[in-house]
């Protein structure tokens, strides 16, 4: 669907009858939206005490629209986004390992659990700080198992994930969703893009990676994570935000229009939930 068509749908959706509410019960979609993830969520790598993975570079050298940025612009939502995503992140914390290096660090990425903990702190309501001015957290696809620089060990030592390790990615995504539920939030997950929509070998060559995940393992990871989340995170919402995925020419990162479409799908789902759909 072209951009002008779905913007028209967005504006139409804004005319839906308002949910019955009082000034003290705002629509859940009008509250801050929390976001955790990797480069689909946020295009910048994290700085800690002046040190960052990849030297602090951003996707596309800054010419990149993440879903986190697009969510601040969609006309269906107020633009209140607490984005703790980190480009390059995995569900687990790990040090950065430069291509060809025999050691890793000191630059690091946070885990998804830590990202969520930080996001919750932004909206914790005083004085107890154990309730939150948010109802949803968007959890976007991680880098786990996708290539040789996702393990926190030198690339020469990294091996493609086993079946057990692919399931452990699902374990960690499920855990962060249940962490959100324990805080009173509904987790919103994306389904990974289809393998045919990516060009991971192009991505490998551009970023000097020792290897990338193969098609069979990628499809297993995609299927295992989506099916297990549906079955093991009660009340979670799974959205196919990447059904029309196009990359920016690097094999893996979405074009601005793709990111805007993904943000629209998320925003539309939240607005429909306001009305009981």
Protein backbone atom coordinates (compact mmCIF):
# COMPACT_ATOMS: atom_id res chain seq x y z
CA UNK A 1 0.00 0.00 0.00
CA UNK A 2 1.44 3.38 -1.01
CA UNK A 3 2.13 6.05 1.58
CA UNK A 4 -0.67 8.42 0.48
CA UNK A 5 -3.25 5.62 0.70
CA UNK A 6 -2.47 4.53 4.25
CA UNK A 7 -2.20 8.14 5.45
CA UNK A 8 -5.78 8.52 4.22
CA UNK A 9 -6.74 5.44 6.24
CA UNK A 10 -4.99 6.92 9.28
CA UNK A 11 -6.94 10.13 9.04
CA UNK A 12 -10.16 8.17 8.62
CA UNK A 13 -9.36 6.17 11.73
CA UNK A 14 -8.98 9.38 13.67
CA UNK A 15 -12.68 10.02 13.12
CA UNK A 16 -13.70 6.86 15.00
CA UNK A 17 -16.13 7.61 17.84
CA UNK A 18 -14.31 8.51 21.03
CA UNK A 19 -14.24 5.85 23.73
CA UNK A 20 -16.35 6.68 26.77
CA UNK A 21 -13.91 8.18 29.24
CA UNK A 22 -13.49 10.78 31.91
CA UNK A 23 -10.61 13.26 32.13
CA UNK A 24 -8.97 10.92 34.66
CA UNK A 25 -9.10 7.86 32.36
CA UNK A 26 -7.24 8.71 29.16
CA UNK A 27 -7.29 6.33 26.24
CA UNK A 28 -4.44 3.83 26.60
CA UNK A 29 -3.13 4.84 23.16
CA UNK A 30 -2.80 8.46 24.32
CA UNK A 31 -0.28 7.56 27.03
CA UNK A 32 3.48 7.30 26.45
CA UNK A 33 4.41 4.30 24.33
CA UNK A 34 7.49 2.39 25.48
CA UNK A 35 9.84 0.87 22.92
CA UNK A 36 12.72 -1.59 23.21
CA UNK A 37 14.69 -3.30 20.49
CA UNK A 38 17.61 -3.06 18.11
CA UNK A 39 18.05 -1.00 14.93
CA UNK A 40 14.43 -1.35 13.83
CA UNK A 41 13.53 0.52 17.03
CA UNK A 42 16.46 2.98 17.15
CA UNK A 43 19.14 3.86 14.61
CA UNK A 44 21.84 4.96 17.08
CA UNK A 45 24.33 2.77 18.92
CA UNK A 46 24.55 3.48 22.68
CA UNK A 47 27.23 5.68 24.25
CA UNK A 48 28.33 4.87 27.79
CA UNK A 49 30.98 7.15 29.33
CA UNK A 50 32.06 8.27 25.88
CA UNK A 51 32.44 4.72 24.50
CA UNK A 52 30.06 3.13 22.00
CA UNK A 53 29.90 0.03 19.80
CA UNK A 54 30.98 0.71 16.23
CA UNK A 55 32.41 4.01 17.42
CA UNK A 56 28.91 5.39 17.94
CA UNK A 57 27.90 5.36 14.29
CA UNK A 58 24.20 5.47 13.40
CA UNK A 59 22.48 3.38 10.75
CA UNK A 60 22.85 5.04 7.37
CA UNK A 61 25.21 7.60 8.93
CA UNK A 62 22.06 9.21 10.32
CA UNK A 63 20.04 9.09 7.09
CA UNK A 64 17.66 6.52 8.52
CA UNK A 65 14.12 6.54 9.89
CA UNK A 66 13.60 4.03 12.70
CA UNK A 67 10.19 2.79 13.78
CA UNK A 68 10.75 4.66 17.04
CA UNK A 69 11.06 7.93 15.15
CA UNK A 70 8.14 7.09 12.88
CA UNK A 71 5.91 6.43 15.90
CA UNK A 72 6.47 10.02 17.04
CA UNK A 73 5.10 11.25 13.70
CA UNK A 74 2.11 9.03 12.93
CA UNK A 75 -1.15 11.04 13.06
CA UNK A 76 -2.92 8.30 15.04
CA UNK A 77 -0.83 8.78 18.18
CA UNK A 78 0.23 11.83 20.23
CA UNK A 79 3.95 11.17 19.67
CA UNK A 80 4.84 10.37 23.29
CA UNK A 81 7.47 7.65 22.73
CA UNK A 82 9.97 6.44 25.32
CA UNK A 83 12.53 4.71 23.10
CA UNK A 84 15.29 2.76 24.84
CA UNK A 85 16.19 0.71 21.76
CA UNK A 86 19.82 0.44 20.69
CA UNK A 87 21.07 -0.19 17.16
CA UNK A 88 22.94 -3.49 17.14
CA UNK A 89 21.33 -4.82 20.32
CA UNK A 90 20.51 -8.42 21.17
CA UNK A 91 18.07 -9.64 23.80
CA UNK A 92 21.06 -10.25 26.11
CA UNK A 93 23.75 -7.76 27.15
CA UNK A 94 27.03 -8.19 25.31
CA UNK A 95 30.31 -6.38 24.50
CA UNK A 96 31.12 -5.12 21.03
CA UNK A 97 33.61 -7.22 19.06
CA UNK A 98 35.29 -5.42 16.17
CA UNK A 99 35.83 -7.45 12.97
CA UNK A 100 39.15 -9.32 13.20
CA UNK A 101 39.72 -8.43 16.86
CA UNK A 102 40.81 -11.14 19.30
CA UNK A 103 39.11 -9.46 22.26
CA UNK A 104 35.84 -7.63 22.84
CA UNK A 105 34.73 -4.50 24.66
CA UNK A 106 34.80 -2.16 26.43
CA UNK A 107 31.78 -0.83 24.50
CA UNK A 108 28.58 -2.73 25.27
CA UNK A 109 24.89 -3.09 24.48
CA UNK A 110 22.12 -3.43 27.06
CA UNK A 111 19.82 -6.42 27.19
CA UNK A 112 16.16 -6.05 26.32
CA UNK A 113 15.33 -6.54 30.01
CA UNK A 114 17.56 -3.58 30.92
CA UNK A 115 16.10 -1.48 28.11
CA UNK A 116 12.61 -2.14 29.47
CA UNK A 117 13.72 -1.40 33.03
CA UNK A 118 15.05 1.98 31.86
CA UNK A 119 11.88 2.72 29.90
CA UNK A 120 9.69 1.92 32.90
CA UNK A 121 11.76 4.25 35.06
CA UNK A 122 10.89 7.13 32.69
CA UNK A 123 7.16 6.72 33.36
CA UNK A 124 7.11 5.48 36.98
CA UNK A 125 4.49 7.34 39.02
CA UNK A 126 5.60 8.79 42.39
CA UNK A 127 5.68 8.37 45.30
CA UNK A 128 5.78 4.56 45.14
CA UNK A 129 7.16 4.37 41.57
CA UNK A 130 5.56 0.94 41.08
CA UNK A 131 2.79 2.02 38.71
CA UNK A 132 3.42 3.45 35.28
CA UNK A 133 2.05 6.15 33.00
CA UNK A 134 1.97 3.74 30.06
CA UNK A 135 -0.07 0.74 28.93
CA UNK A 136 1.95 -0.67 26.05
CA UNK A 137 5.53 -1.58 25.21
CA UNK A 138 6.62 -2.37 21.65
CA UNK A 139 9.29 -5.08 21.49
CA UNK A 140 10.98 -5.21 18.08
CA UNK A 141 13.14 -7.92 16.56
CA UNK A 142 16.67 -8.39 17.95
CA UNK A 143 19.94 -9.29 16.25
CA UNK A 144 20.31 -12.59 18.12
CA UNK A 145 21.78 -15.36 15.92
CA UNK A 146 21.63 -13.26 12.74
CA UNK A 147 25.38 -12.92 12.22
CA UNK A 148 28.82 -13.50 13.71
CA UNK A 149 28.87 -10.28 15.74
CA UNK A 150 25.87 -11.11 17.91
CA UNK A 151 27.46 -13.33 20.56
CA UNK A 152 29.79 -11.09 22.55
CA UNK A 153 32.83 -13.15 21.51
CA UNK A 154 35.36 -12.56 18.71
CA UNK A 155 33.83 -13.36 15.35
CA UNK A 156 36.41 -16.05 14.68
CA UNK A 157 35.04 -17.94 17.69
CA UNK A 158 31.35 -17.45 16.93
CA UNK A 159 29.37 -20.28 15.43
CA UNK A 160 25.82 -20.26 13.99
CA UNK A 161 23.12 -20.89 16.55
CA UNK A 162 22.00 -24.41 17.32
CA UNK A 163 18.33 -25.33 17.55
CA UNK A 164 18.56 -24.94 21.32
CA UNK A 165 20.05 -21.45 20.96
CA UNK A 166 17.31 -20.42 18.54
CA UNK A 167 14.78 -21.43 21.18
CA UNK A 168 16.70 -19.44 23.78
CA UNK A 169 16.07 -16.30 21.72
CA UNK A 170 12.35 -17.02 22.11
CA UNK A 171 12.91 -17.62 25.85
CA UNK A 172 14.39 -14.14 26.27
CA UNK A 173 11.72 -12.41 24.18
CA UNK A 174 9.05 -14.18 26.22
CA UNK A 175 10.77 -13.16 29.46
CA UNK A 176 10.80 -9.45 28.55
CA UNK A 177 7.14 -9.65 27.54
CA UNK A 178 6.25 -11.18 30.88
CA UNK A 179 8.39 -8.53 32.59
CA UNK A 180 6.16 -5.95 30.89
CA UNK A 181 3.00 -7.79 31.92
CA UNK A 182 4.16 -7.87 35.55
CA UNK A 183 4.41 -4.06 35.37
CA UNK A 184 0.85 -3.82 34.04
CA UNK A 185 1.74 -3.25 30.37
CA UNK A 186 0.66 -5.12 27.25
CA UNK A 187 3.60 -6.20 25.07
CA UNK A 188 3.36 -5.59 21.31
CA UNK A 189 5.71 -7.74 19.21
CA UNK A 190 6.63 -7.67 15.53
CA UNK A 191 6.97 -10.74 13.37
CA UNK A 192 10.41 -10.79 11.75
CA UNK A 193 10.58 -9.90 8.03
CA UNK A 194 10.47 -12.83 5.63
CA UNK A 195 13.90 -14.10 4.59
CA UNK A 196 13.16 -13.29 0.92
CA UNK A 197 12.64 -9.63 1.83
CA UNK A 198 16.21 -9.33 3.15
CA UNK A 199 19.61 -9.72 1.53
CA UNK A 200 21.73 -10.97 4.39
CA UNK A 201 24.69 -11.86 2.20
CA UNK A 202 24.81 -8.26 1.02
CA UNK A 203 24.67 -7.18 4.66
CA UNK A 204 27.55 -9.55 5.47
CA UNK A 205 29.77 -8.14 2.74
CA UNK A 206 29.02 -4.50 3.58
CA UNK A 207 29.76 -4.94 7.30
CA UNK A 208 32.72 -7.37 7.05
CA UNK A 209 30.95 -10.11 8.98
CA UNK A 210 32.41 -13.61 9.15
CA UNK A 211 29.01 -15.19 8.42
CA UNK A 212 25.28 -14.58 8.48
CA UNK A 213 22.40 -16.89 9.35
CA UNK A 214 21.22 -19.24 6.61
CA UNK A 215 17.71 -19.36 5.20
CA UNK A 216 16.61 -22.53 7.03
CA UNK A 217 17.80 -21.28 10.42
CA UNK A 218 16.30 -17.85 9.81
CA UNK A 219 12.92 -19.35 9.02
CA UNK A 220 13.15 -21.54 12.11
CA UNK A 221 13.98 -18.50 14.26
CA UNK A 222 11.10 -16.51 12.75
CA UNK A 223 8.60 -19.32 13.25
CA UNK A 224 9.77 -20.35 16.72
CA UNK A 225 9.77 -16.84 18.15
CA UNK A 226 6.36 -15.87 16.77
CA UNK A 227 4.61 -19.13 17.68
CA UNK A 228 6.06 -19.37 21.17
CA UNK A 229 5.30 -15.72 21.99
CA UNK A 230 1.68 -16.26 20.96
CA UNK A 231 1.46 -19.33 23.17
CA UNK A 232 3.54 -18.23 26.17
CA UNK A 233 2.88 -14.51 26.68
CA UNK A 234 -0.78 -14.15 27.68
CA UNK A 235 -2.42 -11.08 26.20
CA UNK A 236 0.54 -10.22 23.96
CA UNK A 237 -0.19 -8.66 20.58
CA UNK A 238 1.77 -9.98 17.57
CA UNK A 239 1.74 -7.74 14.48
CA UNK A 240 3.06 -8.39 10.97
CA UNK A 241 4.43 -4.87 10.62
CA UNK A 242 6.95 -5.92 7.95
CA UNK A 243 4.62 -7.58 5.44
CA UNK A 244 5.70 -5.08 2.74
CA UNK A 245 9.31 -4.80 3.89
CA UNK A 246 11.87 -3.08 1.66
CA UNK A 247 15.45 -2.41 2.74
CA UNK A 248 17.50 0.73 2.21
CA UNK A 249 20.11 -1.05 0.08
CA UNK A 250 22.12 -2.66 2.87
CA UNK A 251 20.12 -5.88 2.97
CA UNK A 252 18.50 -5.51 6.38
CA UNK A 253 17.34 -2.03 7.47
CA UNK A 254 13.91 -0.69 6.43
CA UNK A 255 13.33 2.20 4.08
CA UNK A 256 11.62 5.29 5.52
CA UNK A 257 8.33 4.30 3.92
CA UNK A 258 8.65 0.79 5.36
CA UNK A 259 9.25 2.24 8.84
CA UNK A 260 6.28 4.58 8.46
CA UNK A 261 4.06 1.67 7.42
CA UNK A 262 5.22 -0.34 10.44
CA UNK A 263 4.47 2.60 12.76
CA UNK A 264 1.04 2.99 11.20
CA UNK A 265 0.21 -0.70 11.74
CA UNK A 266 1.23 -0.42 15.39
CA UNK A 267 -0.67 2.84 15.90
CA UNK A 268 -3.80 1.52 14.19
CA UNK A 269 -3.77 -1.59 16.40
CA UNK A 270 -3.52 0.54 19.55
CA UNK A 271 -6.35 2.86 18.45
CA UNK A 272 -8.58 -0.11 17.61
CA UNK A 273 -7.89 -1.55 21.07
CA UNK A 274 -9.17 1.75 22.53
CA UNK A 275 -12.50 0.81 20.94
CA UNK A 276 -12.50 -2.81 22.03
CA UNK A 277 -11.28 -4.38 18.79
